[in-house]
Protein backbone atom coordinates (compact mmCIF):
# COMPACT_ATOMS: atom_id res chain seq x y z
CA MET A 1 -65.96 -28.88 -40.97
CA ASN A 2 -66.69 -32.58 -40.20
CA GLN A 3 -67.25 -34.04 -36.77
CA ASN A 4 -63.71 -35.65 -36.58
CA LEU A 5 -61.99 -32.42 -37.44
CA ASP A 6 -64.06 -30.52 -34.84
CA GLU A 7 -63.05 -33.02 -32.24
CA LYS A 8 -59.48 -33.00 -33.28
CA GLN A 9 -59.49 -29.22 -33.03
CA ALA A 10 -61.09 -29.24 -29.59
CA ARG A 11 -58.42 -31.68 -28.31
CA PHE A 12 -55.64 -29.78 -29.89
CA GLN A 13 -56.78 -26.36 -28.53
CA ARG A 14 -56.76 -27.70 -25.04
CA ASP A 15 -52.97 -27.77 -25.07
CA ASN A 16 -50.93 -24.65 -24.38
CA ILE A 17 -49.23 -22.68 -27.23
CA SER A 18 -45.85 -24.24 -26.58
CA THR A 19 -47.19 -27.80 -26.75
CA ARG A 20 -49.13 -26.97 -29.90
CA LEU A 21 -45.94 -25.59 -31.51
CA GLY A 22 -44.16 -28.80 -30.61
CA HIS A 23 -46.86 -30.78 -32.45
CA ILE A 24 -46.42 -28.61 -35.46
CA ALA A 25 -42.67 -29.02 -35.38
CA ALA A 26 -43.08 -32.82 -35.09
CA ASN A 27 -45.36 -32.91 -38.00
CA LEU A 28 -42.84 -30.91 -40.12
CA ALA A 29 -40.14 -33.38 -39.27
CA ARG A 30 -42.55 -36.15 -40.26
CA ILE A 31 -43.14 -34.45 -43.61
CA LYS A 32 -39.32 -34.26 -44.15
CA SER A 33 -38.87 -37.80 -43.27
CA PHE A 34 -41.85 -39.18 -45.28
CA SER A 35 -40.60 -37.03 -48.27
CA ASN A 36 -37.20 -38.90 -48.21
CA VAL A 37 -38.90 -42.25 -48.78
CA ALA A 38 -41.66 -40.88 -51.11
CA TYR A 39 -44.73 -41.78 -49.14
CA LYS A 40 -46.78 -39.28 -51.06
CA GLU A 41 -50.10 -40.03 -49.40
CA ALA A 42 -48.66 -39.77 -45.84
CA VAL A 43 -46.81 -36.55 -46.85
CA PHE A 44 -50.13 -35.08 -48.13
CA SER A 45 -51.98 -36.24 -45.10
CA VAL A 46 -49.51 -34.72 -42.64
CA ILE A 47 -49.27 -31.52 -44.78
CA LEU A 48 -53.03 -31.16 -44.54
CA GLU A 49 -53.17 -31.81 -40.83
CA THR A 50 -50.21 -29.36 -40.31
CA LYS A 51 -52.05 -26.65 -42.17
CA TRP A 52 -55.04 -26.98 -39.72
CA LEU A 53 -52.77 -27.10 -36.73
CA ILE A 54 -51.10 -23.78 -37.74
CA GLU A 55 -54.47 -22.10 -38.53
CA TRP A 56 -55.92 -23.14 -35.13
CA THR A 57 -52.72 -21.97 -33.30
CA ALA A 58 -52.20 -18.72 -35.27
CA ALA A 59 -55.75 -17.58 -34.32
CA GLU A 60 -54.87 -17.49 -30.67
CA ILE A 61 -51.33 -16.03 -30.81
CA GLU A 62 -50.66 -12.44 -30.03
CA PRO A 63 -49.10 -10.55 -32.93
CA GLU A 64 -45.97 -10.00 -30.84
CA GLN A 65 -45.52 -13.87 -30.35
CA THR A 66 -45.71 -14.58 -34.10
CA GLU A 67 -42.23 -13.31 -34.66
């Protein structure tokens, strides 16, 4: 993992789970919005970021919370 990604992860993981889920939801809305106007590079970038956010959040959620 590169330095910037490590820093982004550390900042993101300082937030509580609810805030993190809000960031993920916002990114999913951005993906939908960007897809409607065909900004392929932006869509790919936000999808990649969202993938990381989900992985970082899922690692700290109790199985009961994942439902």
